[in-house]
Amino acid sequence: MSFKIYTKTGDAGLTSLIGGTRLPKQHLRIEAYGTVDELNSHIGLLRDVITVKETVDLLVSIQDRLFTIGSHLAADPKIYLSENKSNKMSLPPINEKDVEVLEQAIDLIDEQVPEMKSFILPGGHVYVSYCHIARCVCRRAERAVLRLTEYEKVDTIHSKYLNRLSDYLFMLSRQLTMQLNANEIPWKPKL
């Protein structure tokens, strides 16, 4: 027997964390993992239009890491971060190696693209624009996680990963611009 997608338990504006705690849907924790989920969908869109296998593989890995971050944010911190080992919830980790993978990808792209001499206007090709939208959503997810850290304990590796991911998405936009022979328009401020 399959389960129904709707439960009707959220109709009053509450949702459950992993562990059962109910929170208002506008709670900072829900906003944080919801924005990470939105970002994951934008990464999926990018993955669907990119044809370079190595990039697709990295995007699949990034989506996995975003699901992991989302599960950490969606878990009740009283259980997930419990000092009591018998009560502690087990979730897959995010670690420095995950951040290093992004840094290596950034460095590799940086060797391939022309040096930046100014800010760049987002756009030039629809796939490049997808990258910029994902980058902006990534920055919003990072801000949402950082806002949550003001009130609750959140592992700092999550915001660090999101920070580096937004840098990677910017560099991927530049790489796609080059690969697609798109026009990269520098921003020239009108002074």
Protein backbone atom coordinates (compact mmCIF):
# COMPACT_ATOMS: atom_id res chain seq x y z
CA MET A 1 0.00 0.00 0.00
CA SER A 2 1.35 3.43 -0.89
CA PHE A 3 1.08 6.50 1.29
CA LYS A 4 -0.79 9.63 0.32
CA ILE A 5 1.24 12.71 -0.54
CA TYR A 6 -1.10 14.91 1.48
CA THR A 7 -1.48 14.45 5.22
CA LYS A 8 -3.67 17.45 6.08
CA THR A 9 -1.46 17.97 9.16
CA GLY A 10 -0.03 21.20 7.75
CA ASP A 11 -3.34 22.88 7.00
CA ALA A 12 -3.12 24.99 10.17
CA GLY A 13 0.30 26.41 9.23
CA LEU A 14 2.51 23.95 11.15
CA THR A 15 4.95 21.37 9.86
CA SER A 16 7.05 18.66 11.49
CA LEU A 17 10.79 18.44 11.82
CA ILE A 18 12.56 15.10 11.61
CA GLY A 19 12.02 13.94 15.18
CA GLY A 20 8.41 15.12 15.37
CA THR A 21 8.68 18.67 16.73
CA ARG A 22 6.04 20.91 15.10
CA LEU A 23 6.97 24.42 14.00
CA PRO A 24 5.17 27.23 12.17
CA LYS A 25 5.87 27.06 8.45
CA GLN A 26 7.35 30.58 8.57
CA HIS A 27 9.94 29.56 11.22
CA LEU A 28 13.55 30.42 10.33
CA ARG A 29 14.48 26.73 10.31
CA ILE A 30 11.74 25.93 7.78
CA GLU A 31 12.77 28.94 5.68
CA ALA A 32 16.38 27.74 5.69
CA TYR A 33 15.77 24.18 4.57
CA GLY A 34 13.03 25.28 2.17
CA THR A 35 15.46 27.64 0.44
CA VAL A 36 18.08 24.87 0.27
CA ASP A 37 15.39 22.68 -1.34
CA GLU A 38 14.60 25.46 -3.84
CA LEU A 39 18.31 25.71 -4.65
CA ASN A 40 18.46 21.95 -5.19
CA SER A 41 15.69 22.26 -7.79
CA HIS A 42 17.62 24.99 -9.63
CA ILE A 43 20.72 22.77 -9.60
CA GLY A 44 18.55 20.02 -11.11
CA LEU A 45 17.52 22.38 -13.90
CA LEU A 46 21.17 23.15 -14.60
CA ARG A 47 21.98 19.45 -14.59
CA ASP A 48 19.24 18.87 -17.16
CA VAL A 49 20.72 21.30 -19.70
CA ILE A 50 24.46 20.69 -19.26
CA THR A 51 26.03 18.02 -21.43
CA VAL A 52 29.58 17.79 -20.02
CA LYS A 53 29.64 14.54 -18.01
CA GLU A 54 32.13 15.76 -15.38
CA THR A 55 29.98 18.83 -14.68
CA VAL A 56 26.79 16.76 -14.54
CA ASP A 57 28.48 14.34 -12.12
CA LEU A 58 29.54 17.23 -9.89
CA LEU A 59 26.03 18.71 -9.99
CA VAL A 60 24.56 15.34 -8.92
CA SER A 61 27.06 15.28 -6.05
CA ILE A 62 26.10 18.86 -5.13
CA GLN A 63 22.43 17.87 -5.09
CA ASP A 64 23.28 15.02 -2.72
CA ARG A 65 25.15 17.42 -0.44
CA LEU A 66 22.20 19.85 -0.52
CA PHE A 67 19.82 17.05 0.49
CA THR A 68 22.20 16.30 3.35
CA ILE A 69 22.29 19.94 4.45
CA GLY A 70 18.51 20.05 4.17
CA SER A 71 18.17 16.95 6.36
CA HIS A 72 20.39 18.55 9.02
CA LEU A 73 18.30 21.72 8.93
CA ALA A 74 15.03 19.74 8.94
CA ALA A 75 16.07 17.70 11.99
CA ASP A 76 15.02 18.65 15.50
CA PRO A 77 18.25 20.13 16.94
CA LYS A 78 17.37 18.80 20.42
CA ILE A 79 17.64 15.27 19.00
CA TYR A 80 20.11 15.76 16.15
CA LEU A 81 22.62 17.71 18.25
CA SER A 82 21.94 15.82 21.48
CA GLU A 83 24.90 15.08 23.73
CA ASN A 84 23.12 11.90 24.78
CA LYS A 85 24.45 9.31 22.30
CA SER A 86 21.48 6.97 22.79
CA ASN A 87 19.12 9.83 21.89
CA LYS A 88 21.24 11.32 19.08
CA MET A 89 19.94 11.12 15.51
CA SER A 90 22.31 9.80 12.84
CA LEU A 91 22.53 11.88 9.66
CA PRO A 92 25.10 11.78 6.84
CA PRO A 93 27.86 14.34 7.38
CA ILE A 94 28.94 17.42 5.49
CA ASN A 95 32.66 18.02 5.93
CA GLU A 96 35.63 20.07 4.75
CA LYS A 97 36.27 17.60 1.90
CA ASP A 98 32.91 18.60 0.40
CA VAL A 99 34.01 22.25 0.44
CA GLU A 100 37.40 21.32 -1.06
CA VAL A 101 35.69 19.56 -3.99
CA LEU A 102 34.00 22.86 -4.85
CA GLU A 103 37.23 24.81 -4.42
CA GLN A 104 39.05 22.44 -6.78
CA ALA A 105 36.30 22.83 -9.39
CA ILE A 106 36.48 26.62 -9.02
CA ASP A 107 40.26 26.60 -9.46
CA LEU A 108 40.00 24.40 -12.56
CA ILE A 109 37.47 26.73 -14.19
CA ASP A 110 39.52 29.78 -13.19
CA GLU A 111 42.43 28.41 -15.25
CA GLN A 112 40.18 28.14 -18.33
CA VAL A 113 38.20 31.39 -18.40
CA PRO A 114 39.46 34.89 -19.23
CA GLU A 115 40.50 37.12 -16.35
CA MET A 116 37.68 39.26 -14.99
CA LYS A 117 38.30 42.98 -15.25
CA SER A 118 34.85 44.14 -14.09
CA PHE A 119 31.56 42.90 -12.73
CA ILE A 120 29.52 40.96 -15.27
CA LEU A 121 25.84 41.42 -16.07
CA PRO A 122 24.00 38.10 -15.58
CA GLY A 123 22.84 36.56 -18.85
CA GLY A 124 24.16 35.96 -22.33
CA HIS A 125 22.55 32.55 -22.78
CA VAL A 126 19.61 30.86 -21.10
CA TYR A 127 21.92 28.23 -19.49
CA VAL A 128 24.18 30.96 -18.13
CA SER A 129 21.10 32.68 -16.72
CA TYR A 130 20.08 29.41 -15.01
CA CYS A 131 23.50 29.46 -13.31
CA HIS A 132 23.05 33.03 -12.12
CA ILE A 133 19.56 32.30 -10.77
CA ALA A 134 20.92 29.26 -8.90
CA ARG A 135 23.78 31.43 -7.57
CA CYS A 136 21.33 34.03 -6.24
CA VAL A 137 19.13 31.38 -4.62
CA CYS A 138 22.29 29.87 -3.12
CA ARG A 139 23.20 33.22 -1.54
CA ARG A 140 19.66 33.50 -0.18
CA ALA A 141 19.94 29.98 1.28
CA GLU A 142 23.24 30.96 2.89
CA ARG A 143 21.63 34.06 4.42
CA ALA A 144 18.70 31.99 5.71
CA VAL A 145 21.07 29.52 7.38
CA LEU A 146 23.10 32.37 8.90
CA ARG A 147 19.91 34.00 10.24
CA LEU A 148 19.00 30.69 11.87
CA THR A 149 22.42 30.52 13.55
CA GLU A 150 21.58 33.72 15.43
CA TYR A 151 18.91 31.82 17.38
CA GLU A 152 19.78 28.13 17.19
CA LYS A 153 22.86 25.96 16.96
CA VAL A 154 23.66 25.11 13.34
CA ASP A 155 26.88 23.51 12.12
CA THR A 156 28.98 26.23 10.46
CA ILE A 157 30.01 23.85 7.66
CA HIS A 158 26.54 24.30 6.13
CA SER A 159 26.88 28.03 5.50
CA LYS A 160 30.50 27.52 4.44
CA TYR A 161 29.44 24.94 1.85
CA LEU A 162 26.70 27.23 0.53
CA ASN A 163 29.14 30.13 0.34
CA ARG A 164 31.57 28.11 -1.74
CA LEU A 165 28.76 26.69 -3.85
CA SER A 166 27.66 30.19 -4.87
CA ASP A 167 31.25 30.90 -5.94
CA TYR A 168 31.27 27.68 -7.96
CA LEU A 169 27.97 28.59 -9.64
CA PHE A 170 29.40 31.97 -10.65
CA MET A 171 32.47 30.31 -12.13
CA LEU A 172 30.29 27.71 -13.86
CA SER A 173 28.33 30.58 -15.45
CA ARG A 174 31.59 31.95 -16.82
CA GLN A 175 32.65 28.53 -18.08
CA LEU A 176 29.29 28.03 -19.80
CA THR A 177 29.57 31.51 -21.34
CA MET A 178 32.88 30.47 -22.87
CA GLN A 179 31.69 26.98 -23.95
CA LEU A 180 28.50 28.34 -25.52
CA ASN A 181 30.34 31.23 -27.18
CA ALA A 182 27.94 33.58 -25.43
CA ASN A 183 28.48 37.27 -24.89
CA GLU A 184 29.78 38.25 -21.43
CA ILE A 185 28.72 41.85 -20.87
CA PRO A 186 30.81 43.81 -18.36
CA TRP A 187 28.97 46.18 -16.04
CA LYS A 188 29.99 49.76 -16.77
CA PRO A 189 28.61 52.01 -14.05
CA LYS A 190 27.16 55.26 -15.32
CA LEU A 191 28.97 57.89 -13.27
